[in-house]
Amino acid sequence: MSALTATNFNFPGQTGVYHGKVRDVYFVEDKLVMVATDRISAFDVVLPKGIPFKGQMLNQIAAKFLDATQDICPNWKLATPDPMVTVGVKCEGFAVEMIVRGYLCGSAWRAYKSGVREICGVRLPDGMRENEKFPTPIITPTTKAEIGEHDADISKEEILAQGLATPEEYALLEKYTLALFERGTQMAAERGLILVDTKYEFGKHNGEIYLMDEIHTPDSSRYFYSEGYAERFEAGEPQKQLSKEFVREWLMSNGFQGQEGQQVPEMTDEIVEGISARYIELYEHITGETFNKEADEDLAARIERNVSAYLAK
């Protein structure tokens, strides 16, 4: 199985390129060509090996949810000319990511367990347990870090004080975030899943706020299985998850949390194939569709062919 971990395209009309942690964004006239590579990141570190089919899965999940939420707010997507590519309108992104949490888990639980009772300016009640549902979803924004840097928590007050958004803009970001999370929660419930937490990125296009990037994918979201949630919670047992958390857990069990001086454990072929299989499981549960593996061919050549044909229309 081949994996696309680096791209170096030169599309007609291309004016620039940005290589992110897992996505490469090509600027072509007034459009963005976003390539979902097979790179995988955890703890803000890009791991040394790619995961076959991961880019295709994430791109197709994101496209599905962008189409299913365009009645809530405008989004950047125009077309998906290749299984690993979305073409969309160019937006000027806000320098924050909107994290919304419906349950106390992950990094929020780790902070809570250590005694923290306020995250991003949001007060948390005492006496909560791991994986407990919040009375209402909470928004805990982060800054957008450069590659190799860590995202940092930031409060609404700090966002406004630093001029990262106006009060009117931030109010709309909050409104969109909660509405999108509610829709994602409804769609997950139809699949026997709980949308636990997720992140959204927004930008401005022609003065209007647009939803950007991926949404509701296992890279940007955490899902629990609905069946057995209550029993596991009452017993204090770990929840059965659909997310990238299994990758983070494998790294932590091998002594890696992205800290300086730590080494990424060896990613054997068996580990890589196992992660790919888990991503396929995630795709099929989240979408309710069978995953169709694209032909194992020269992925870069296929992408260049498909995108160039789209741009020539």
C-alpha atoms as a PDB file:
ATOM      1  CA  MET A   1       0.000   0.000   0.000  1.00  0.00           C
ATOM      2  CA  SER A   2       1.373   3.394  -0.972  1.00  0.00           C
ATOM      3  CA  ALA A   3       1.034   6.568   1.074  1.00  0.00           C
ATOM      4  CA  LEU A   4       1.327  10.168  -0.071  1.00  0.00           C
ATOM      5  CA  THR A   5       3.472  12.031   2.462  1.00  0.00           C
ATOM      6  CA  ALA A   6       4.867  14.911   0.375  1.00  0.00           C
ATOM      7  CA  THR A   7       3.563  16.945  -2.563  1.00  0.00           C
ATOM      8  CA  ASN A   8       5.229  19.360  -4.940  1.00  0.00           C
ATOM      9  CA  PHE A   9       2.622  20.351  -7.511  1.00  0.00           C
ATOM     10  CA  ASN A  10       2.726  23.258  -9.899  1.00  0.00           C
ATOM     11  CA  PHE A  11      -0.840  23.747 -11.085  1.00  0.00           C
ATOM     12  CA  PRO A  12      -1.754  26.221 -13.842  1.00  0.00           C
ATOM     13  CA  GLY A  13      -2.225  29.660 -12.278  1.00  0.00           C
ATOM     14  CA  GLN A  14      -0.581  28.606  -9.007  1.00  0.00           C
ATOM     15  CA  THR A  15       0.696  31.500  -6.889  1.00  0.00           C
ATOM     16  CA  GLY A  16       1.889  29.762  -3.730  1.00  0.00           C
ATOM     17  CA  VAL A  17       1.741  26.749  -1.449  1.00  0.00           C
ATOM     18  CA  TYR A  18       1.495  26.089   2.276  1.00  0.00           C
ATOM     19  CA  HIS A  19       2.556  22.746   3.730  1.00  0.00           C
ATOM     20  CA  GLY A  20       0.634  22.055   6.943  1.00  0.00           C
ATOM     21  CA  LYS A  21       0.855  19.171   9.370  1.00  0.00           C
ATOM     22  CA  VAL A  22      -1.276  16.840   7.279  1.00  0.00           C
ATOM     23  CA  ARG A  23      -2.646  19.033   4.465  1.00  0.00           C
ATOM     24  CA  ASP A  24      -0.880  20.854   1.661  1.00  0.00           C
ATOM     25  CA  VAL A  25      -2.699  23.932   0.424  1.00  0.00           C
ATOM     26  CA  TYR A  26      -2.043  25.277  -3.067  1.00  0.00           C
ATOM     27  CA  PHE A  27      -3.115  28.818  -3.933  1.00  0.00           C
ATOM     28  CA  VAL A  28      -4.439  28.933  -7.491  1.00  0.00           C
ATOM     29  CA  GLU A  29      -5.774  32.332  -8.549  1.00  0.00           C
ATOM     30  CA  ASP A  30      -8.802  32.935  -6.308  1.00  0.00           C
ATOM     31  CA  LYS A  31      -9.085  29.304  -5.163  1.00  0.00           C
ATOM     32  CA  LEU A  32      -7.483  26.958  -2.665  1.00  0.00           C
ATOM     33  CA  VAL A  33      -6.558  23.402  -3.635  1.00  0.00           C
ATOM     34  CA  MET A  34      -6.298  21.459  -0.377  1.00  0.00           C
ATOM     35  CA  VAL A  35      -4.581  18.087  -0.630  1.00  0.00           C
ATOM     36  CA  ALA A  36      -5.259  15.714   2.270  1.00  0.00           C
ATOM     37  CA  THR A  37      -1.984  13.796   2.431  1.00  0.00           C
ATOM     38  CA  ASP A  38      -1.456  10.515   4.262  1.00  0.00           C
ATOM     39  CA  ARG A  39       0.721  12.211   6.874  1.00  0.00           C
ATOM     40  CA  ILE A  40      -0.409  11.734  10.463  1.00  0.00           C
ATOM     41  CA  SER A  41       0.281  14.004  13.422  1.00  0.00           C
ATOM     42  CA  ALA A  42      -0.098  13.613  17.161  1.00  0.00           C
ATOM     43  CA  PHE A  43       0.917  15.933  19.984  1.00  0.00           C
ATOM     44  CA  ASP A  44       1.531  18.550  17.243  1.00  0.00           C
ATOM     45  CA  VAL A  45       4.282  16.350  15.773  1.00  0.00           C
ATOM     46  CA  VAL A  46       4.161  14.868  12.267  1.00  0.00           C
ATOM     47  CA  LEU A  47       4.988  11.171  12.582  1.00  0.00           C
ATOM     48  CA  PRO A  48       7.685   9.698  10.314  1.00  0.00           C
ATOM     49  CA  LYS A  49       5.460   7.381   8.231  1.00  0.00           C
ATOM     50  CA  GLY A  50       2.249   7.995   6.309  1.00  0.00           C
ATOM     51  CA  ILE A  51      -0.944   5.972   6.711  1.00  0.00           C
ATOM     52  CA  PRO A  52      -2.320   4.508   3.439  1.00  0.00           C
ATOM     53  CA  PHE A  53      -5.811   5.804   2.514  1.00  0.00           C
ATOM     54  CA  LYS A  54      -5.930   8.212   5.481  1.00  0.00           C
ATOM     55  CA  GLY A  55      -6.003  11.308   3.265  1.00  0.00           C
ATOM     56  CA  GLN A  56      -8.791   9.898   1.103  1.00  0.00           C
ATOM     57  CA  MET A  57     -10.869   9.000   4.145  1.00  0.00           C
ATOM     58  CA  LEU A  58     -10.490  12.362   5.857  1.00  0.00           C
ATOM     59  CA  ASN A  59     -11.184  14.307   2.682  1.00  0.00           C
ATOM     60  CA  GLN A  60     -14.338  12.334   1.918  1.00  0.00           C
ATOM     61  CA  ILE A  61     -15.672  12.545   5.497  1.00  0.00           C
ATOM     62  CA  ALA A  62     -15.066  16.302   5.580  1.00  0.00           C
ATOM     63  CA  ALA A  63     -16.764  16.783   2.195  1.00  0.00           C
ATOM     64  CA  LYS A  64     -19.810  14.858   3.409  1.00  0.00           C
ATOM     65  CA  PHE A  65     -20.180  16.994   6.545  1.00  0.00           C
ATOM     66  CA  LEU A  66     -19.477  20.270   4.746  1.00  0.00           C
ATOM     67  CA  ASP A  67     -22.335  19.468   2.363  1.00  0.00           C
ATOM     68  CA  ALA A  68     -24.584  18.478   5.287  1.00  0.00           C
ATOM     69  CA  THR A  69     -24.039  21.729   7.215  1.00  0.00           C
ATOM     70  CA  GLN A  70     -24.039  24.397   4.521  1.00  0.00           C
ATOM     71  CA  ASP A  71     -27.511  25.492   5.647  1.00  0.00           C
ATOM     72  CA  ILE A  72     -26.012  26.494   9.017  1.00  0.00           C
ATOM     73  CA  CYS A  73     -23.191  28.661   7.723  1.00  0.00           C
ATOM     74  CA  PRO A  74     -21.396  29.196   4.411  1.00  0.00           C
ATOM     75  CA  ASN A  75     -18.304  27.060   3.878  1.00  0.00           C
ATOM     76  CA  TRP A  76     -15.303  27.130   1.616  1.00  0.00           C
ATOM     77  CA  LYS A  77     -15.917  23.936  -0.410  1.00  0.00           C
ATOM     78  CA  LEU A  78     -16.484  24.182  -4.175  1.00  0.00           C
ATOM     79  CA  ALA A  79     -15.632  20.671  -5.410  1.00  0.00           C
ATOM     80  CA  THR A  80     -13.748  17.427  -4.710  1.00  0.00           C
ATOM     81  CA  PRO A  81     -12.033  16.698  -8.044  1.00  0.00           C
ATOM     82  CA  ASP A  82      -9.958  13.879  -6.504  1.00  0.00           C
ATOM     83  CA  PRO A  83     -10.633  11.568  -3.526  1.00  0.00           C
ATOM     84  CA  MET A  84      -7.780  13.306  -1.670  1.00  0.00           C
ATOM     85  CA  VAL A  85      -8.503  16.889  -2.754  1.00  0.00           C
ATOM     86  CA  THR A  86     -11.021  19.613  -1.998  1.00  0.00           C
ATOM     87  CA  VAL A  87     -11.041  22.852  -3.982  1.00  0.00           C
ATOM     88  CA  GLY A  88     -12.579  25.864  -2.306  1.00  0.00           C
ATOM     89  CA  VAL A  89     -12.701  29.609  -1.999  1.00  0.00           C
ATOM     90  CA  LYS A  90      -9.802  31.451  -0.427  1.00  0.00           C
ATOM     91  CA  CYS A  91     -10.526  32.801   3.059  1.00  0.00           C
ATOM     92  CA  GLU A  92      -8.543  34.932   5.467  1.00  0.00           C
ATOM     93  CA  GLY A  93      -8.440  32.648   8.478  1.00  0.00           C
ATOM     94  CA  PHE A  94      -8.956  33.666  12.086  1.00  0.00           C
ATOM     95  CA  ALA A  95      -5.865  32.925  14.187  1.00  0.00           C
ATOM     96  CA  VAL A  96      -7.832  30.707  16.569  1.00  0.00           C
ATOM     97  CA  GLU A  97      -9.479  27.301  16.428  1.00  0.00           C
ATOM     98  CA  MET A  98     -12.908  26.903  17.994  1.00  0.00           C
ATOM     99  CA  ILE A  99     -12.840  23.792  20.191  1.00  0.00           C
ATOM    100  CA  VAL A 100     -16.218  22.636  21.468  1.00  0.00           C
ATOM    101  CA  ARG A 101     -16.580  19.961  24.130  1.00  0.00           C
ATOM    102  CA  GLY A 102     -19.697  18.048  25.098  1.00  0.00           C
ATOM    103  CA  TYR A 103     -17.918  15.731  27.554  1.00  0.00           C
ATOM    104  CA  LEU A 104     -15.017  15.990  29.999  1.00  0.00           C
ATOM    105  CA  CYS A 105     -12.215  13.898  28.528  1.00  0.00           C
ATOM    106  CA  GLY A 106      -8.842  14.047  26.801  1.00  0.00           C
ATOM    107  CA  SER A 107      -6.632  17.034  27.611  1.00  0.00           C
ATOM    108  CA  ALA A 108      -9.491  18.741  29.472  1.00  0.00           C
ATOM    109  CA  TRP A 109      -9.836  15.743  31.797  1.00  0.00           C
ATOM    110  CA  ARG A 110      -6.074  15.572  32.330  1.00  0.00           C
ATOM    111  CA  ALA A 111      -6.094  19.237  33.363  1.00  0.00           C
ATOM    112  CA  TYR A 112      -9.213  18.766  35.518  1.00  0.00           C
ATOM    113  CA  LYS A 113      -7.713  15.749  37.270  1.00  0.00           C
ATOM    114  CA  SER A 114      -4.669  17.856  38.193  1.00  0.00           C
ATOM    115  CA  GLY A 115      -6.922  20.391  39.916  1.00  0.00           C
ATOM    116  CA  VAL A 116      -7.647  22.869  37.117  1.00  0.00           C
ATOM    117  CA  ARG A 117     -11.189  24.250  37.323  1.00  0.00           C
ATOM    118  CA  GLU A 118     -11.082  26.876  34.596  1.00  0.00           C
ATOM    119  CA  ILE A 119     -10.251  26.220  30.932  1.00  0.00           C
ATOM    120  CA  CYS A 120     -10.101  29.082  28.449  1.00  0.00           C
ATOM    121  CA  GLY A 121     -12.060  31.265  30.856  1.00  0.00           C
ATOM    122  CA  VAL A 122     -14.794  28.642  31.293  1.00  0.00           C
ATOM    123  CA  ARG A 123     -15.458  27.602  34.901  1.00  0.00           C
ATOM    124  CA  LEU A 124     -15.890  23.870  35.433  1.00  0.00           C
ATOM    125  CA  PRO A 125     -17.956  22.472  38.329  1.00  0.00           C
ATOM    126  CA  ASP A 126     -16.337  20.384  41.039  1.00  0.00           C
ATOM    127  CA  GLY A 127     -17.037  16.697  41.336  1.00  0.00           C
ATOM    128  CA  MET A 128     -17.041  15.790  37.645  1.00  0.00           C
ATOM    129  CA  ARG A 129     -15.769  12.425  36.448  1.00  0.00           C
ATOM    130  CA  GLU A 130     -13.899  11.383  33.333  1.00  0.00           C
ATOM    131  CA  ASN A 131     -16.151  11.208  30.241  1.00  0.00           C
ATOM    132  CA  GLU A 132     -19.030  12.935  32.047  1.00  0.00           C
ATOM    133  CA  LYS A 133     -21.364  14.998  29.887  1.00  0.00           C
ATOM    134  CA  PHE A 134     -21.326  18.751  30.464  1.00  0.00           C
ATOM    135  CA  PRO A 135     -24.731  20.315  31.238  1.00  0.00           C
ATOM    136  CA  THR A 136     -24.277  22.255  27.983  1.00  0.00           C
ATOM    137  CA  PRO A 137     -21.363  22.107  25.505  1.00  0.00           C
ATOM    138  CA  ILE A 138     -18.469  24.438  26.305  1.00  0.00           C
ATOM    139  CA  ILE A 139     -16.186  26.316  23.907  1.00  0.00           C
ATOM    140  CA  THR A 140     -12.455  26.220  24.696  1.00  0.00           C
ATOM    141  CA  PRO A 141     -10.573  27.974  21.864  1.00  0.00           C
ATOM    142  CA  THR A 142      -6.896  27.527  21.072  1.00  0.00           C
ATOM    143  CA  THR A 143      -4.388  29.517  19.110  1.00  0.00           C
ATOM    144  CA  LYS A 144      -3.280  28.113  15.739  1.00  0.00           C
ATOM    145  CA  ALA A 145       0.286  26.889  16.131  1.00  0.00           C
ATOM    146  CA  GLU A 146       2.965  26.661  13.494  1.00  0.00           C
ATOM    147  CA  ILE A 147       4.360  23.214  12.631  1.00  0.00           C
ATOM    148  CA  GLY A 148       6.447  21.949  15.542  1.00  0.00           C
ATOM    149  CA  GLU A 149       4.752  24.322  17.986  1.00  0.00           C
ATOM    150  CA  HIS A 150       1.914  23.490  20.358  1.00  0.00           C
ATOM    151  CA  ASP A 151      -1.552  25.029  20.195  1.00  0.00           C
ATOM    152  CA  ALA A 152      -2.224  27.112  23.300  1.00  0.00           C
ATOM    153  CA  ASP A 153      -5.489  27.609  25.178  1.00  0.00           C
ATOM    154  CA  ILE A 154      -6.942  31.099  24.881  1.00  0.00           C
ATOM    155  CA  SER A 155     -10.062  32.665  26.369  1.00  0.00           C
ATOM    156  CA  LYS A 156     -12.757  34.707  24.682  1.00  0.00           C
ATOM    157  CA  GLU A 157     -11.543  37.751  26.622  1.00  0.00           C
ATOM    158  CA  GLU A 158      -7.964  37.259  25.389  1.00  0.00           C
ATOM    159  CA  ILE A 159      -9.147  36.799  21.792  1.00  0.00           C
ATOM    160  CA  LEU A 160     -11.015  40.104  21.956  1.00  0.00           C
ATOM    161  CA  ALA A 161      -8.199  41.895  23.800  1.00  0.00           C
ATOM    162  CA  GLN A 162      -5.648  40.780  21.205  1.00  0.00           C
ATOM    163  CA  GLY A 163      -7.896  41.841  18.349  1.00  0.00           C
ATOM    164  CA  LEU A 164      -8.053  38.313  16.888  1.00  0.00           C
ATOM    165  CA  ALA A 165     -11.779  38.876  16.313  1.00  0.00           C
ATOM    166  CA  THR A 166     -14.226  41.695  16.935  1.00  0.00           C
ATOM    167  CA  PRO A 167     -17.021  41.171  19.484  1.00  0.00           C
ATOM    168  CA  GLU A 168     -19.506  40.836  16.618  1.00  0.00           C
ATOM    169  CA  GLU A 169     -17.309  38.328  14.802  1.00  0.00           C
ATOM    170  CA  TYR A 170     -16.711  36.268  17.924  1.00  0.00           C
ATOM    171  CA  ALA A 171     -20.428  36.157  18.704  1.00  0.00           C
ATOM    172  CA  LEU A 172     -21.048  34.699  15.248  1.00  0.00           C
ATOM    173  CA  LEU A 173     -18.150  32.233  15.635  1.00  0.00           C
ATOM    174  CA  GLU A 174     -19.728  30.976  18.864  1.00  0.00           C
ATOM    175  CA  LYS A 175     -23.169  30.761  17.277  1.00  0.00           C
ATOM    176  CA  TYR A 176     -21.873  28.785  14.282  1.00  0.00           C
ATOM    177  CA  THR A 177     -19.715  26.537  16.494  1.00  0.00           C
ATOM    178  CA  LEU A 178     -22.608  25.495  18.730  1.00  0.00           C
ATOM    179  CA  ALA A 179     -25.000  25.014  15.797  1.00  0.00           C
ATOM    180  CA  LEU A 180     -22.485  22.893  13.881  1.00  0.00           C
ATOM    181  CA  PHE A 181     -21.796  20.811  16.986  1.00  0.00           C
ATOM    182  CA  GLU A 182     -25.525  20.247  17.466  1.00  0.00           C
ATOM    183  CA  ARG A 183     -25.882  19.080  13.847  1.00  0.00           C
ATOM    184  CA  GLY A 184     -22.825  16.853  14.177  1.00  0.00           C
ATOM    185  CA  THR A 185     -24.263  15.415  17.393  1.00  0.00           C
ATOM    186  CA  GLN A 186     -27.553  14.602  15.635  1.00  0.00           C
ATOM    187  CA  MET A 187     -25.792  12.949  12.679  1.00  0.00           C
ATOM    188  CA  ALA A 188     -23.542  10.946  15.022  1.00  0.00           C
ATOM    189  CA  ALA A 189     -26.550   9.737  17.014  1.00  0.00           C
ATOM    190  CA  GLU A 190     -28.068   8.350  13.811  1.00  0.00           C
ATOM    191  CA  ARG A 191     -24.931   6.227  13.479  1.00  0.00           C
ATOM    192  CA  GLY A 192     -24.983   5.024  17.093  1.00  0.00           C
ATOM    193  CA  LEU A 193     -22.227   7.451  18.032  1.00  0.00           C
ATOM    194  CA  ILE A 194     -21.675  10.329  20.461  1.00  0.00           C
ATOM    195  CA  LEU A 195     -19.805  13.388  19.158  1.00  0.00           C
ATOM    196  CA  VAL A 196     -17.674  14.113  22.220  1.00  0.00           C
ATOM    197  CA  ASP A 197     -15.600  17.089  21.115  1.00  0.00           C
ATOM    198  CA  THR A 198     -14.369  18.659  17.897  1.00  0.00           C
ATOM    199  CA  LYS A 199     -12.732  21.731  16.405  1.00  0.00           C
ATOM    200  CA  TYR A 200     -13.795  24.201  13.741  1.00  0.00           C
ATOM    201  CA  GLU A 201     -11.776  26.731  11.801  1.00  0.00           C
ATOM    202  CA  PHE A 202     -13.282  29.857  10.320  1.00  0.00           C
ATOM    203  CA  GLY A 203     -12.171  32.620   7.987  1.00  0.00           C
ATOM    204  CA  LYS A 204     -13.563  35.572   6.082  1.00  0.00           C
ATOM    205  CA  HIS A 205     -14.405  35.637   2.387  1.00  0.00           C
ATOM    206  CA  ASN A 206     -15.691  38.877   0.867  1.00  0.00           C
ATOM    207  CA  GLY A 207     -16.335  40.159   4.389  1.00  0.00           C
ATOM    208  CA  GLU A 208     -18.457  37.133   5.377  1.00  0.00           C
ATOM    209  CA  ILE A 209     -17.495  34.439   7.898  1.00  0.00           C
ATOM    210  CA  TYR A 210     -17.004  31.010   6.315  1.00  0.00           C
ATOM    211  CA  LEU A 211     -16.357  27.584   7.799  1.00  0.00           C
ATOM    212  CA  MET A 212     -12.982  26.292   6.565  1.00  0.00           C
ATOM    213  CA  ASP A 213     -10.896  23.129   6.529  1.00  0.00           C
ATOM    214  CA  GLU A 214     -12.177  19.716   7.664  1.00  0.00           C
ATOM    215  CA  ILE A 215     -15.074  19.063  10.019  1.00  0.00           C
ATOM    216  CA  HIS A 216     -16.247  16.066  12.055  1.00  0.00           C
ATOM    217  CA  THR A 217     -13.383  13.813  10.931  1.00  0.00           C
ATOM    218  CA  PRO A 218     -11.612  11.453  13.369  1.00  0.00           C
ATOM    219  CA  ASP A 219      -8.581  13.757  13.153  1.00  0.00           C
ATOM    220  CA  SER A 220     -10.527  16.781  14.347  1.00  0.00           C
ATOM    221  CA  SER A 221     -13.162  15.062  16.490  1.00  0.00           C
ATOM    222  CA  ARG A 222     -13.622  12.445  19.160  1.00  0.00           C
ATOM    223  CA  TYR A 223     -16.530   9.993  19.067  1.00  0.00           C
ATOM    224  CA  PHE A 224     -17.791   7.472  21.615  1.00  0.00           C
ATOM    225  CA  TYR A 225     -20.037   4.533  20.817  1.00  0.00           C
ATOM    226  CA  SER A 226     -23.510   5.222  22.247  1.00  0.00           C
ATOM    227  CA  GLU A 227     -24.097   1.578  23.137  1.00  0.00           C
ATOM    228  CA  GLY A 228     -22.504   0.869  26.468  1.00  0.00           C
ATOM    229  CA  TYR A 229     -21.589   4.495  27.228  1.00  0.00           C
ATOM    230  CA  ALA A 230     -23.719   4.722  30.387  1.00  0.00           C
ATOM    231  CA  GLU A 231     -22.585   1.337  31.701  1.00  0.00           C
ATOM    232  CA  ARG A 232     -18.912   2.114  31.128  1.00  0.00           C
ATOM    233  CA  PHE A 233     -19.282   5.557  32.692  1.00  0.00           C
ATOM    234  CA  GLU A 234     -20.978   4.206  35.817  1.00  0.00           C
ATOM    235  CA  ALA A 235     -18.288   1.514  36.149  1.00  0.00           C
ATOM    236  CA  GLY A 236     -15.492   4.045  35.652  1.00  0.00           C
ATOM    237  CA  GLU A 237     -14.270   2.146  32.603  1.00  0.00           C
ATOM    238  CA  PRO A 238     -12.697   3.664  29.472  1.00  0.00           C
ATOM    239  CA  GLN A 239     -15.161   4.449  26.707  1.00  0.00           C
ATOM    240  CA  LYS A 240     -15.045   2.718  23.358  1.00  0.00           C
ATOM    241  CA  GLN A 241     -13.843   5.487  21.076  1.00  0.00           C
ATOM    242  CA  LEU A 242     -13.830   6.395  17.425  1.00  0.00           C
ATOM    243  CA  SER A 243     -11.039   8.955  17.140  1.00  0.00           C
ATOM    244  CA  LYS A 244      -7.322   9.383  16.666  1.00  0.00           C
ATOM    245  CA  GLU A 245      -6.940   8.870  20.412  1.00  0.00           C
ATOM    246  CA  PHE A 246      -5.777   5.284  19.845  1.00  0.00           C
ATOM    247  CA  VAL A 247      -2.691   6.678  18.062  1.00  0.00           C
ATOM    248  CA  ARG A 248      -1.946   9.036  20.958  1.00  0.00           C
ATOM    249  CA  GLU A 249      -2.408   6.182  23.434  1.00  0.00           C
ATOM    250  CA  TRP A 250       0.042   4.003  21.466  1.00  0.00           C
ATOM    251  CA  LEU A 251       2.579   6.824  21.489  1.00  0.00           C
ATOM    252  CA  MET A 252       2.140   7.496  25.217  1.00  0.00           C
ATOM    253  CA  SER A 253       2.478   3.799  26.038  1.00  0.00           C
ATOM    254  CA  ASN A 254       5.827   3.946  24.231  1.00  0.00           C
ATOM    255  CA  GLY A 255       7.047   7.020  26.111  1.00  0.00           C
ATOM    256  CA  PHE A 256       6.218   9.753  23.595  1.00  0.00           C
ATOM    257  CA  GLN A 257       4.082  12.837  24.236  1.00  0.00           C
ATOM    258  CA  GLY A 258       5.783  15.312  21.915  1.00  0.00           C
ATOM    259  CA  GLN A 259       8.118  16.633  24.590  1.00  0.00           C
ATOM    260  CA  GLU A 260      11.639  17.785  23.821  1.00  0.00           C
ATOM    261  CA  GLY A 261      14.123  14.928  23.811  1.00  0.00           C
ATOM    262  CA  GLN A 262      11.473  12.211  23.343  1.00  0.00           C
ATOM    263  CA  GLN A 263      11.760   9.853  20.380  1.00  0.00           C
ATOM    264  CA  VAL A 264       8.834   8.698  18.242  1.00  0.00           C
ATOM    265  CA  PRO A 265       8.592   4.899  18.635  1.00  0.00           C
ATOM    266  CA  GLU A 266       9.312   2.741  15.605  1.00  0.00           C
ATOM    267  CA  MET A 267       6.386   2.609  13.187  1.00  0.00           C
ATOM    268  CA  THR A 268       6.630  -0.922  11.828  1.00  0.00           C
ATOM    269  CA  ASP A 269       4.655  -2.015   8.754  1.00  0.00           C
ATOM    270  CA  GLU A 270       2.326  -3.860  11.132  1.00  0.00           C
ATOM    271  CA  ILE A 271       1.681  -0.670  13.150  1.00  0.00           C
ATOM    272  CA  VAL A 272       1.086   1.377   9.982  1.00  0.00           C
ATOM    273  CA  GLU A 273      -1.326  -1.205   8.521  1.00  0.00           C
ATOM    274  CA  GLY A 274      -3.142  -1.417  11.853  1.00  0.00           C
ATOM    275  CA  ILE A 275      -3.647   2.349  11.993  1.00  0.00           C
ATOM    276  CA  SER A 276      -4.905   2.321   8.391  1.00  0.00           C
ATOM    277  CA  ALA A 277      -7.414  -0.414   9.236  1.00  0.00           C
ATOM    278  CA  ARG A 278      -8.654   1.561  12.233  1.00  0.00           C
ATOM    279  CA  TYR A 279      -9.157   4.649  10.061  1.00  0.00           C
ATOM    280  CA  ILE A 280     -11.226   2.589   7.617  1.00  0.00           C
ATOM    281  CA  GLU A 281     -13.339   1.410  10.570  1.00  0.00           C
ATOM    282  CA  LEU A 282     -13.781   5.043  11.631  1.00  0.00           C
ATOM    283  CA  TYR A 283     -14.816   6.065   8.122  1.00  0.00           C
ATOM    284  CA  GLU A 284     -17.435   3.348   7.773  1.00  0.00           C
ATOM    285  CA  HIS A 285     -18.947   3.965  11.212  1.00  0.00           C
ATOM    286  CA  ILE A 286     -19.073   7.748  10.821  1.00  0.00           C
ATOM    287  CA  THR A 287     -20.465   7.788   7.272  1.00  0.00           C
ATOM    288  CA  GLY A 288     -22.463   4.556   7.223  1.00  0.00           C
ATOM    289  CA  GLU A 289     -20.851   3.821   3.855  1.00  0.00           C
ATOM    290  CA  THR A 290     -18.405   1.156   2.721  1.00  0.00           C
ATOM    291  CA  PHE A 291     -14.946   2.598   2.127  1.00  0.00           C
ATOM    292  CA  ASN A 292     -13.790   2.158  -1.456  1.00  0.00           C
ATOM    293  CA  LYS A 293     -10.024   2.011  -1.695  1.00  0.00           C
ATOM    294  CA  GLU A 294      -8.815   3.904  -4.725  1.00  0.00           C
ATOM    295  CA  ALA A 295      -6.445   1.994  -7.004  1.00  0.00           C
ATOM    296  CA  ASP A 296      -2.935   1.669  -5.580  1.00  0.00           C
ATOM    297  CA  GLU A 297      -1.270   3.857  -8.197  1.00  0.00           C
ATOM    298  CA  ASP A 298       0.926   6.928  -8.449  1.00  0.00           C
ATOM    299  CA  LEU A 299      -1.160   9.123  -6.170  1.00  0.00           C
ATOM    300  CA  ALA A 300       0.625  12.362  -7.014  1.00  0.00           C
ATOM    301  CA  ALA A 301       0.186  11.809 -10.754  1.00  0.00           C
ATOM    302  CA  ARG A 302      -3.514  11.041 -10.299  1.00  0.00           C
ATOM    303  CA  ILE A 303      -4.069  14.155  -8.191  1.00  0.00           C
ATOM    304  CA  GLU A 304      -2.236  16.380 -10.662  1.00  0.00           C
ATOM    305  CA  ARG A 305      -4.290  14.944 -13.533  1.00  0.00           C
ATOM    306  CA  ASN A 306      -7.648  15.331 -11.780  1.00  0.00           C
ATOM    307  CA  VAL A 307      -7.031  18.784 -10.336  1.00  0.00           C
ATOM    308  CA  SER A 308      -5.606  20.158 -13.567  1.00  0.00           C
ATOM    309  CA  ALA A 309      -8.665  18.908 -15.449  1.00  0.00           C
ATOM    310  CA  TYR A 310     -10.963  20.603 -12.924  1.00  0.00           C
ATOM    311  CA  LEU A 311      -9.091  23.910 -13.037  1.00  0.00           C
ATOM    312  CA  ALA A 312      -9.182  23.898 -16.848  1.00  0.00           C
ATOM    313  CA  LYS A 313     -13.004  23.902 -16.900  1.00  0.00           C
END
